[in-house]
Amino acid sequence: MNRRAAGAEVEAVALLERAIAIDPQFALAHTTLSSIYGGFGETGESENYARLAYEHRERVSERERLFITYQYHDRVTGDQVKAREALEVWKRTYPRDYRPSNALALLLIRLGEYDAAAVEAEEVVATAAGDDDEAQAAHCAPVVEPGVGDPGVGEPGVVAACGVLEEQG
């Protein structure tokens, strides 16, 4: 998973696919590939790997299970309520982990809940303070500013959104 964190997604794909060939039930490899393919804009592949991760989620930690559940509902079922619920449970269960707030901010932006997204984005930076990933979290936190969106509508807009978990895309 470190190659992905270092931005070497293309190299990571081959390694993750090899890991899955060895252990087809390796849920974390499936979910990581789902994130990578989503980042590449390959929606079908992303959905497929999210589905496989969800099918094999019994062999992962609770934190990983919450991420897999979020990703499955976000990408496969499209049930944003269930995706949000998984993120909120993850956030409550692991309050020092900035990743659920990051994903929640991005989801709230898509839902048009800009004020709530701004609160979550602030939590990303606050939660990551002192974390090894602090610089990445601060750089990648979704930022919502009033008046930057559609000038005709006057809605807030996203100035920058780089998902640490990916735009879960």
N, C-alpha and C. Protein backbone atom coordinates (compact mmCIF):
# COMPACT_ATOMS: atom_id res chain seq x y z
N MET A 1 0.82 -1.18 0.00
CA MET A 1 0.00 0.00 0.00
C MET A 1 0.87 1.26 0.00
N ASN A 2 2.14 1.15 0.39
CA ASN A 2 3.03 2.31 0.46
C ASN A 2 3.31 2.91 -0.91
N ARG A 3 3.36 2.10 -1.96
CA ARG A 3 3.59 2.64 -3.31
C ARG A 3 2.47 3.58 -3.68
N ARG A 4 1.26 3.24 -3.30
CA ARG A 4 0.12 4.09 -3.60
C ARG A 4 0.25 5.41 -2.86
N ALA A 5 0.62 5.36 -1.58
CA ALA A 5 0.77 6.58 -0.79
C ALA A 5 1.85 7.48 -1.36
N ALA A 6 2.84 6.89 -1.99
CA ALA A 6 3.93 7.66 -2.59
C ALA A 6 3.58 8.16 -3.98
N GLY A 7 2.37 7.89 -4.46
CA GLY A 7 1.95 8.37 -5.76
C GLY A 7 2.31 7.45 -6.91
N ALA A 8 2.70 6.25 -6.61
CA ALA A 8 3.10 5.29 -7.65
C ALA A 8 1.96 4.32 -7.95
N GLU A 9 0.79 4.88 -8.26
CA GLU A 9 -0.40 4.05 -8.46
C GLU A 9 -0.23 3.03 -9.57
N VAL A 10 0.38 3.44 -10.68
CA VAL A 10 0.51 2.52 -11.81
C VAL A 10 1.33 1.30 -11.39
N GLU A 11 2.44 1.52 -10.69
CA GLU A 11 3.25 0.41 -10.20
C GLU A 11 2.48 -0.41 -9.17
N ALA A 12 1.71 0.25 -8.33
CA ALA A 12 0.97 -0.45 -7.28
C ALA A 12 -0.07 -1.39 -7.86
N VAL A 13 -0.66 -1.04 -8.99
CA VAL A 13 -1.70 -1.89 -9.59
C VAL A 13 -1.17 -3.29 -9.84
N ALA A 14 -0.02 -3.40 -10.46
CA ALA A 14 0.54 -4.73 -10.76
C ALA A 14 0.81 -5.52 -9.48
N LEU A 15 1.34 -4.85 -8.47
CA LEU A 15 1.62 -5.53 -7.21
C LEU A 15 0.34 -5.98 -6.51
N LEU A 16 -0.66 -5.13 -6.52
CA LEU A 16 -1.94 -5.47 -5.88
C LEU A 16 -2.63 -6.61 -6.63
N GLU A 17 -2.58 -6.57 -7.95
CA GLU A 17 -3.18 -7.66 -8.73
C GLU A 17 -2.45 -8.98 -8.48
N ARG A 18 -1.14 -8.92 -8.31
CA ARG A 18 -0.37 -10.12 -7.99
C ARG A 18 -0.78 -10.65 -6.61
N ALA A 19 -0.96 -9.74 -5.65
CA ALA A 19 -1.39 -10.14 -4.31
C ALA A 19 -2.76 -10.81 -4.36
N ILE A 20 -3.65 -10.30 -5.19
CA ILE A 20 -4.99 -10.89 -5.32
C ILE A 20 -4.91 -12.25 -6.00
N ALA A 21 -3.98 -12.41 -6.93
CA ALA A 21 -3.80 -13.71 -7.57
C ALA A 21 -3.38 -14.76 -6.54
N ILE A 22 -2.57 -14.34 -5.58
CA ILE A 22 -2.12 -15.24 -4.51
C ILE A 22 -3.24 -15.47 -3.50
N ASP A 23 -3.95 -14.41 -3.14
CA ASP A 23 -5.04 -14.50 -2.17
C ASP A 23 -6.24 -13.74 -2.70
N PRO A 24 -7.13 -14.42 -3.43
CA PRO A 24 -8.28 -13.75 -4.03
C PRO A 24 -9.23 -13.08 -3.02
N GLN A 25 -9.08 -13.41 -1.74
CA GLN A 25 -9.95 -12.82 -0.72
C GLN A 25 -9.28 -11.64 0.00
N PHE A 26 -8.20 -11.12 -0.53
CA PHE A 26 -7.44 -10.02 0.07
C PHE A 26 -8.23 -8.72 -0.12
N ALA A 27 -9.17 -8.46 0.79
CA ALA A 27 -10.10 -7.34 0.67
C ALA A 27 -9.41 -5.99 0.59
N LEU A 28 -8.36 -5.79 1.37
CA LEU A 28 -7.69 -4.49 1.35
C LEU A 28 -7.04 -4.22 -0.01
N ALA A 29 -6.54 -5.26 -0.67
CA ALA A 29 -6.00 -5.08 -2.02
C ALA A 29 -7.11 -4.70 -2.99
N HIS A 30 -8.27 -5.35 -2.86
CA HIS A 30 -9.40 -5.02 -3.72
C HIS A 30 -9.84 -3.57 -3.52
N THR A 31 -9.98 -3.15 -2.27
CA THR A 31 -10.46 -1.79 -2.01
C THR A 31 -9.44 -0.75 -2.45
N THR A 32 -8.16 -1.07 -2.32
CA THR A 32 -7.13 -0.13 -2.77
C THR A 32 -7.17 -0.01 -4.29
N LEU A 33 -7.36 -1.12 -4.98
CA LEU A 33 -7.49 -1.05 -6.44
C LEU A 33 -8.75 -0.28 -6.84
N SER A 34 -9.81 -0.41 -6.07
CA SER A 34 -11.01 0.36 -6.34
C SER A 34 -10.70 1.86 -6.27
N SER A 35 -9.96 2.26 -5.25
CA SER A 35 -9.59 3.68 -5.12
C SER A 35 -8.70 4.13 -6.27
N ILE A 36 -7.73 3.30 -6.61
CA ILE A 36 -6.80 3.66 -7.69
C ILE A 36 -7.54 3.79 -9.02
N TYR A 37 -8.33 2.79 -9.36
CA TYR A 37 -9.07 2.85 -10.62
C TYR A 37 -10.07 4.01 -10.62
N GLY A 38 -10.66 4.29 -9.47
CA GLY A 38 -11.54 5.46 -9.39
C GLY A 38 -10.78 6.74 -9.69
N GLY A 39 -9.56 6.84 -9.17
CA GLY A 39 -8.72 8.00 -9.44
C GLY A 39 -8.33 8.11 -10.90
N PHE A 40 -8.24 6.96 -11.57
CA PHE A 40 -7.92 6.93 -13.00
C PHE A 40 -9.16 7.24 -13.85
N GLY A 41 -10.33 7.31 -13.20
CA GLY A 41 -11.57 7.55 -13.94
C GLY A 41 -12.16 6.30 -14.55
N GLU A 42 -11.69 5.14 -14.14
CA GLU A 42 -12.18 3.87 -14.65
C GLU A 42 -13.26 3.33 -13.71
N THR A 43 -14.45 3.88 -13.87
CA THR A 43 -15.56 3.62 -12.96
C THR A 43 -15.93 2.14 -12.87
N GLY A 44 -15.99 1.46 -14.00
CA GLY A 44 -16.37 0.05 -13.99
C GLY A 44 -15.41 -0.80 -13.18
N GLU A 45 -14.12 -0.59 -13.39
CA GLU A 45 -13.11 -1.34 -12.62
C GLU A 45 -13.19 -0.98 -11.14
N SER A 46 -13.40 0.30 -10.87
CA SER A 46 -13.50 0.76 -9.48
C SER A 46 -14.68 0.08 -8.78
N GLU A 47 -15.82 0.05 -9.43
CA GLU A 47 -17.00 -0.60 -8.86
C GLU A 47 -16.76 -2.09 -8.65
N ASN A 48 -16.14 -2.74 -9.62
CA ASN A 48 -15.87 -4.17 -9.52
C ASN A 48 -15.01 -4.49 -8.30
N TYR A 49 -13.92 -3.74 -8.13
CA TYR A 49 -13.04 -4.00 -6.99
C TYR A 49 -13.71 -3.63 -5.66
N ALA A 50 -14.55 -2.60 -5.65
CA ALA A 50 -15.28 -2.26 -4.43
C ALA A 50 -16.23 -3.38 -4.05
N ARG A 51 -16.87 -3.96 -5.05
CA ARG A 51 -17.79 -5.08 -4.81
C ARG A 51 -17.03 -6.29 -4.25
N LEU A 52 -15.89 -6.60 -4.84
CA LEU A 52 -15.09 -7.73 -4.37
C LEU A 52 -14.58 -7.51 -2.94
N ALA A 53 -14.15 -6.30 -2.65
CA ALA A 53 -13.69 -5.98 -1.29
C ALA A 53 -14.83 -6.19 -0.30
N TYR A 54 -16.01 -5.74 -0.66
CA TYR A 54 -17.18 -5.87 0.22
C TYR A 54 -17.52 -7.34 0.46
N GLU A 55 -17.39 -8.16 -0.58
CA GLU A 55 -17.67 -9.59 -0.45
C GLU A 55 -16.68 -10.29 0.49
N HIS A 56 -15.47 -9.75 0.60
CA HIS A 56 -14.42 -10.40 1.40
C HIS A 56 -14.07 -9.61 2.66
N ARG A 57 -14.94 -8.75 3.12
CA ARG A 57 -14.64 -7.86 4.23
C ARG A 57 -14.56 -8.54 5.60
N GLU A 58 -14.91 -9.81 5.69
CA GLU A 58 -14.88 -10.49 7.00
C GLU A 58 -13.47 -10.70 7.52
N ARG A 59 -12.45 -10.59 6.68
CA ARG A 59 -11.07 -10.84 7.10
C ARG A 59 -10.27 -9.55 7.30
N VAL A 60 -10.92 -8.46 7.63
CA VAL A 60 -10.21 -7.19 7.80
C VAL A 60 -10.50 -6.61 9.18
N SER A 61 -9.75 -5.59 9.54
CA SER A 61 -10.00 -4.90 10.81
C SER A 61 -11.31 -4.11 10.72
N GLU A 62 -11.79 -3.66 11.87
CA GLU A 62 -13.02 -2.87 11.89
C GLU A 62 -12.86 -1.58 11.09
N ARG A 63 -11.73 -0.93 11.23
CA ARG A 63 -11.47 0.32 10.50
C ARG A 63 -11.53 0.07 8.98
N GLU A 64 -10.87 -0.99 8.54
CA GLU A 64 -10.88 -1.32 7.12
C GLU A 64 -12.29 -1.69 6.66
N ARG A 65 -13.02 -2.39 7.50
CA ARG A 65 -14.40 -2.77 7.16
C ARG A 65 -15.27 -1.54 6.97
N LEU A 66 -15.07 -0.53 7.81
CA LEU A 66 -15.86 0.70 7.66
C LEU A 66 -15.52 1.42 6.36
N PHE A 67 -14.24 1.46 6.00
CA PHE A 67 -13.86 2.07 4.73
C PHE A 67 -14.45 1.29 3.56
N ILE A 68 -14.33 -0.04 3.61
CA ILE A 68 -14.86 -0.87 2.53
C ILE A 68 -16.37 -0.68 2.41
N THR A 69 -17.07 -0.62 3.53
CA THR A 69 -18.52 -0.41 3.51
C THR A 69 -18.87 0.94 2.91
N TYR A 70 -18.15 1.97 3.34
CA TYR A 70 -18.36 3.31 2.75
C TYR A 70 -18.16 3.24 1.24
N GLN A 71 -17.02 2.70 0.83
CA GLN A 71 -16.67 2.68 -0.59
C GLN A 71 -17.70 1.88 -1.40
N TYR A 72 -18.15 0.76 -0.86
CA TYR A 72 -19.14 -0.07 -1.54
C TYR A 72 -20.43 0.72 -1.79
N HIS A 73 -20.93 1.39 -0.77
CA HIS A 73 -22.18 2.13 -0.94
C HIS A 73 -21.98 3.37 -1.81
N ASP A 74 -20.82 3.99 -1.71
CA ASP A 74 -20.56 5.17 -2.53
C ASP A 74 -20.43 4.79 -4.01
N ARG A 75 -19.75 3.70 -4.30
CA ARG A 75 -19.44 3.34 -5.69
C ARG A 75 -20.37 2.33 -6.32
N VAL A 76 -20.86 1.39 -5.53
CA VAL A 76 -21.62 0.27 -6.11
C VAL A 76 -23.12 0.49 -5.98
N THR A 77 -23.61 0.69 -4.76
CA THR A 77 -25.06 0.82 -4.58
C THR A 77 -25.55 2.24 -4.84
N GLY A 78 -24.65 3.21 -4.68
CA GLY A 78 -25.06 4.61 -4.83
C GLY A 78 -25.85 5.13 -3.64
N ASP A 79 -25.93 4.35 -2.59
CA ASP A 79 -26.69 4.75 -1.40
C ASP A 79 -25.83 5.68 -0.55
N GLN A 80 -25.99 6.97 -0.77
CA GLN A 80 -25.18 7.96 -0.07
C GLN A 80 -25.50 8.05 1.41
N VAL A 81 -26.72 7.67 1.79
CA VAL A 81 -27.08 7.65 3.21
C VAL A 81 -26.25 6.58 3.93
N LYS A 82 -26.18 5.39 3.36
CA LYS A 82 -25.39 4.32 3.98
C LYS A 82 -23.90 4.64 3.93
N ALA A 83 -23.46 5.26 2.85
CA ALA A 83 -22.05 5.67 2.75
C ALA A 83 -21.73 6.66 3.87
N ARG A 84 -22.61 7.62 4.06
CA ARG A 84 -22.42 8.63 5.11
C ARG A 84 -22.44 7.99 6.49
N GLU A 85 -23.37 7.06 6.71
CA GLU A 85 -23.44 6.38 8.01
C GLU A 85 -22.14 5.65 8.32
N ALA A 86 -21.58 4.96 7.33
CA ALA A 86 -20.32 4.23 7.55
C ALA A 86 -19.21 5.21 7.92
N LEU A 87 -19.16 6.36 7.24
CA LEU A 87 -18.13 7.36 7.55
C LEU A 87 -18.31 7.94 8.94
N GLU A 88 -19.55 8.19 9.33
CA GLU A 88 -19.79 8.76 10.66
C GLU A 88 -19.44 7.77 11.76
N VAL A 89 -19.73 6.48 11.55
CA VAL A 89 -19.34 5.46 12.54
C VAL A 89 -17.82 5.38 12.60
N TRP A 90 -17.16 5.39 11.45
CA TRP A 90 -15.69 5.35 11.39
C TRP A 90 -15.10 6.54 12.14
N LYS A 91 -15.66 7.69 11.91
CA LYS A 91 -15.16 8.91 12.56
C LYS A 91 -15.33 8.84 14.08
N ARG A 92 -16.49 8.37 14.55
CA ARG A 92 -16.73 8.25 15.99
C ARG A 92 -15.85 7.17 16.63
N THR A 93 -15.67 6.07 15.92
CA THR A 93 -14.93 4.94 16.45
C THR A 93 -13.43 5.21 16.49
N TYR A 94 -12.94 5.96 15.51
CA TYR A 94 -11.50 6.25 15.40
C TYR A 94 -11.31 7.77 15.30
N PRO A 95 -11.51 8.48 16.39
CA PRO A 95 -11.50 9.95 16.36
C PRO A 95 -10.17 10.58 15.96
N ARG A 96 -9.08 9.85 16.02
CA ARG A 96 -7.78 10.41 15.63
C ARG A 96 -7.47 10.21 14.14
N ASP A 97 -8.32 9.51 13.45
CA ASP A 97 -8.12 9.23 12.02
C ASP A 97 -8.80 10.33 11.21
N TYR A 98 -8.02 11.07 10.42
CA TYR A 98 -8.57 12.17 9.63
C TYR A 98 -9.29 11.67 8.36
N ARG A 99 -9.04 10.45 7.95
CA ARG A 99 -9.57 9.96 6.67
C ARG A 99 -11.10 9.93 6.59
N PRO A 100 -11.83 9.56 7.64
CA PRO A 100 -13.29 9.60 7.48
C PRO A 100 -13.81 11.03 7.34
N SER A 101 -13.19 11.99 8.02
CA SER A 101 -13.61 13.39 7.86
C SER A 101 -13.33 13.87 6.45
N ASN A 102 -12.19 13.45 5.89
CA ASN A 102 -11.85 13.83 4.52
C ASN A 102 -12.90 13.30 3.54
N ALA A 103 -13.20 12.01 3.66
CA ALA A 103 -14.18 11.41 2.77
C ALA A 103 -15.56 12.01 2.99
N LEU A 104 -15.90 12.28 4.25
CA LEU A 104 -17.20 12.87 4.56
C LEU A 104 -17.30 14.28 3.98
N ALA A 105 -16.23 15.05 4.05
CA ALA A 105 -16.25 16.39 3.45
C ALA A 105 -16.52 16.31 1.96
N LEU A 106 -15.86 15.39 1.29
CA LEU A 106 -16.06 15.24 -0.15
C LEU A 106 -17.47 14.79 -0.48
N LEU A 107 -18.00 13.86 0.32
CA LEU A 107 -19.37 13.39 0.11
C LEU A 107 -20.36 14.53 0.33
N LEU A 108 -20.15 15.32 1.39
CA LEU A 108 -21.05 16.43 1.68
C LEU A 108 -21.01 17.50 0.59
N ILE A 109 -19.85 17.71 -0.01
CA ILE A 109 -19.76 18.64 -1.14
C ILE A 109 -20.64 18.14 -2.28
N ARG A 110 -20.54 16.85 -2.58
CA ARG A 110 -21.37 16.29 -3.65
C ARG A 110 -22.85 16.41 -3.34
N LEU A 111 -23.19 16.35 -2.05
CA LEU A 111 -24.60 16.46 -1.64
C LEU A 111 -25.05 17.92 -1.52
N GLY A 112 -24.14 18.87 -1.72
CA GLY A 112 -24.49 20.28 -1.63
C GLY A 112 -24.56 20.81 -0.21
N GLU A 113 -24.05 20.06 0.76
CA GLU A 113 -24.06 20.49 2.16
C GLU A 113 -22.72 21.17 2.47
N TYR A 114 -22.56 22.39 1.93
CA TYR A 114 -21.27 23.06 1.96
C TYR A 114 -20.81 23.47 3.36
N ASP A 115 -21.73 23.92 4.19
CA ASP A 115 -21.33 24.31 5.55
C ASP A 115 -20.81 23.11 6.33
N ALA A 116 -21.52 22.00 6.23
CA ALA A 116 -21.08 20.78 6.92
C ALA A 116 -19.76 20.27 6.33
N ALA A 117 -19.60 20.41 5.02
CA ALA A 117 -18.35 20.00 4.37
C ALA A 117 -17.19 20.84 4.87
N ALA A 118 -17.42 22.13 5.06
CA ALA A 118 -16.36 23.02 5.55
C ALA A 118 -15.93 22.61 6.95
N VAL A 119 -16.89 22.24 7.80
CA VAL A 119 -16.56 21.80 9.16
C VAL A 119 -15.72 20.53 9.10
N GLU A 120 -16.10 19.59 8.25
CA GLU A 120 -15.34 18.34 8.12
C GLU A 120 -13.93 18.62 7.57
N ALA A 121 -13.83 19.53 6.61
CA ALA A 121 -12.52 19.85 6.04
C ALA A 121 -11.60 20.44 7.11
N GLU A 122 -12.15 21.27 7.99
CA GLU A 122 -11.36 21.83 9.09
C GLU A 122 -10.91 20.71 10.03
N GLU A 123 -11.78 19.74 10.24
CA GLU A 123 -11.43 18.62 11.12
C GLU A 123 -10.31 17.77 10.54
N VAL A 124 -10.25 17.69 9.21
CA VAL A 124 -9.17 16.92 8.57
C VAL A 124 -7.83 17.47 9.02
N VAL A 125 -7.68 18.78 8.90
CA VAL A 125 -6.42 19.42 9.24
C VAL A 125 -6.16 19.33 10.74
N ALA A 126 -7.19 19.58 11.55
CA ALA A 126 -7.03 19.54 13.01
C ALA A 126 -6.70 18.13 13.50
N THR A 127 -7.35 17.14 12.94
CA THR A 127 -7.13 15.76 13.36
C THR A 127 -5.76 15.27 12.94
N ALA A 128 -5.28 15.74 11.80
CA ALA A 128 -4.00 15.27 11.28
C ALA A 128 -2.81 15.97 11.92
N ALA A 129 -3.06 16.99 12.74
CA ALA A 129 -1.95 17.71 13.37
C ALA A 129 -1.07 16.74 14.14
N GLY A 130 0.21 16.76 13.83
CA GLY A 130 1.15 15.87 14.49
C GLY A 130 1.22 14.49 13.89
N ASP A 131 0.33 14.18 12.96
CA ASP A 131 0.32 12.88 12.30
C ASP A 131 1.41 12.87 11.23
N ASP A 132 1.93 11.71 10.93
CA ASP A 132 2.93 11.60 9.87
C ASP A 132 2.37 12.07 8.53
N ASP A 133 1.08 11.96 8.37
CA ASP A 133 0.45 12.36 7.12
C ASP A 133 -0.07 13.79 7.17
N GLU A 134 0.35 14.56 8.17
CA GLU A 134 -0.18 15.92 8.35
C GLU A 134 -0.05 16.77 7.10
N ALA A 135 1.11 16.77 6.49
CA ALA A 135 1.30 17.61 5.31
C ALA A 135 0.38 17.19 4.18
N GLN A 136 0.23 15.89 3.99
CA GLN A 136 -0.67 15.41 2.94
C GLN A 136 -2.11 15.78 3.28
N ALA A 137 -2.50 15.60 4.52
CA ALA A 137 -3.87 15.91 4.92
C ALA A 137 -4.16 17.39 4.74
N ALA A 138 -3.24 18.25 5.17
CA ALA A 138 -3.44 19.69 5.04
C ALA A 138 -3.50 20.09 3.57
N HIS A 139 -2.67 19.49 2.76
CA HIS A 139 -2.65 19.80 1.34
C HIS A 139 -3.90 19.30 0.64
N CYS A 140 -4.40 18.15 1.08
CA CYS A 140 -5.48 17.49 0.36
C CYS A 140 -6.87 17.76 0.93
N ALA A 141 -6.95 18.46 2.03
CA ALA A 141 -8.26 18.69 2.63
C ALA A 141 -9.15 19.47 1.67
N PRO A 142 -10.39 19.04 1.52
CA PRO A 142 -11.30 19.82 0.70
C PRO A 142 -11.48 21.20 1.31
N VAL A 143 -11.49 22.21 0.49
CA VAL A 143 -11.64 23.57 0.98
C VAL A 143 -12.88 24.17 0.34
N VAL A 144 -13.77 24.68 1.16
CA VAL A 144 -15.00 25.26 0.67
C VAL A 144 -14.98 26.74 1.00
N GLU A 145 -15.18 27.57 0.00
CA GLU A 145 -15.22 29.02 0.22
C GLU A 145 -16.50 29.59 -0.37
N PRO A 146 -17.18 30.45 0.37
CA PRO A 146 -18.40 31.07 -0.15
C PRO A 146 -18.08 31.91 -1.38
N GLY A 147 -19.01 31.89 -2.32
CA GLY A 147 -18.89 32.76 -3.47
C GLY A 147 -17.97 32.28 -4.56
N VAL A 148 -17.39 31.09 -4.43
CA VAL A 148 -16.48 30.61 -5.46
C VAL A 148 -17.21 29.71 -6.45
N GLY A 149 -18.40 29.30 -6.10
CA GLY A 149 -19.17 28.41 -6.98
C GLY A 149 -19.77 29.16 -8.13
N ASP A 150 -20.85 28.67 -8.64
CA ASP A 150 -21.54 29.26 -9.77
C ASP A 150 -21.96 30.68 -9.42
N PRO A 151 -21.42 31.68 -10.14
CA PRO A 151 -21.72 33.07 -9.79
C PRO A 151 -23.20 33.40 -9.87
N GLY A 152 -23.93 32.69 -10.74
CA GLY A 152 -25.36 32.96 -10.85
C GLY A 152 -26.15 32.43 -9.69
N VAL A 153 -25.64 31.44 -9.03
CA VAL A 153 -26.35 30.81 -7.93
C VAL A 153 -25.87 31.33 -6.59
N GLY A 154 -24.62 31.69 -6.52
CA GLY A 154 -24.05 32.21 -5.28
C GLY A 154 -23.76 31.14 -4.26
N GLU A 155 -23.73 29.87 -4.69
CA GLU A 155 -23.42 28.80 -3.76
C GLU A 155 -21.92 28.77 -3.49
N PRO A 156 -21.55 28.24 -2.34
CA PRO A 156 -20.13 28.06 -2.09
C PRO A 156 -19.55 27.09 -3.12
N GLY A 157 -18.28 27.17 -3.33
CA GLY A 157 -17.65 26.27 -4.29
C GLY A 157 -16.46 25.59 -3.66
N VAL A 158 -16.04 24.56 -4.27
CA VAL A 158 -14.88 23.84 -3.80
C VAL A 158 -13.66 24.47 -4.43
N VAL A 159 -12.78 25.01 -3.60
CA VAL A 159 -11.55 25.60 -4.10
C VAL A 159 -10.57 24.51 -4.46
N ALA A 160 -10.43 23.52 -3.60
CA ALA A 160 -9.52 22.40 -3.86
C ALA A 160 -10.10 21.18 -3.18
N ALA A 161 -10.03 20.07 -3.83
CA ALA A 161 -10.46 18.82 -3.21
C ALA A 161 -9.55 17.71 -3.70
N CYS A 162 -8.66 17.32 -2.88
CA CYS A 162 -7.76 16.21 -3.19
C CYS A 162 -7.99 15.20 -2.10
N GLY A 163 -8.76 14.17 -2.37
CA GLY A 163 -9.08 13.20 -1.32
C GLY A 163 -7.88 12.41 -0.89
N VAL A 164 -7.62 12.40 0.40
CA VAL A 164 -6.56 11.56 0.93
C VAL A 164 -6.94 10.10 0.67
N LEU A 165 -8.24 9.82 0.78
CA LEU A 165 -8.72 8.50 0.43
C LEU A 165 -9.04 8.45 -1.05
N GLU A 166 -8.97 9.55 -1.67
CA GLU A 166 -9.30 9.83 -3.05
C GLU A 166 -10.62 10.53 -3.01
N GLU A 167 -10.97 11.16 -4.05
CA GLU A 167 -12.30 11.73 -4.13
C GLU A 167 -13.22 10.54 -4.12
N GLN A 168 -12.69 9.49 -3.60
CA GLN A 168 -13.38 8.23 -3.55
C GLN A 168 -13.93 7.96 -4.93
N GLY A 169 -13.20 8.49 -5.88
CA GLY A 169 -13.60 8.41 -7.27
C GLY A 169 -12.85 7.42 -8.03
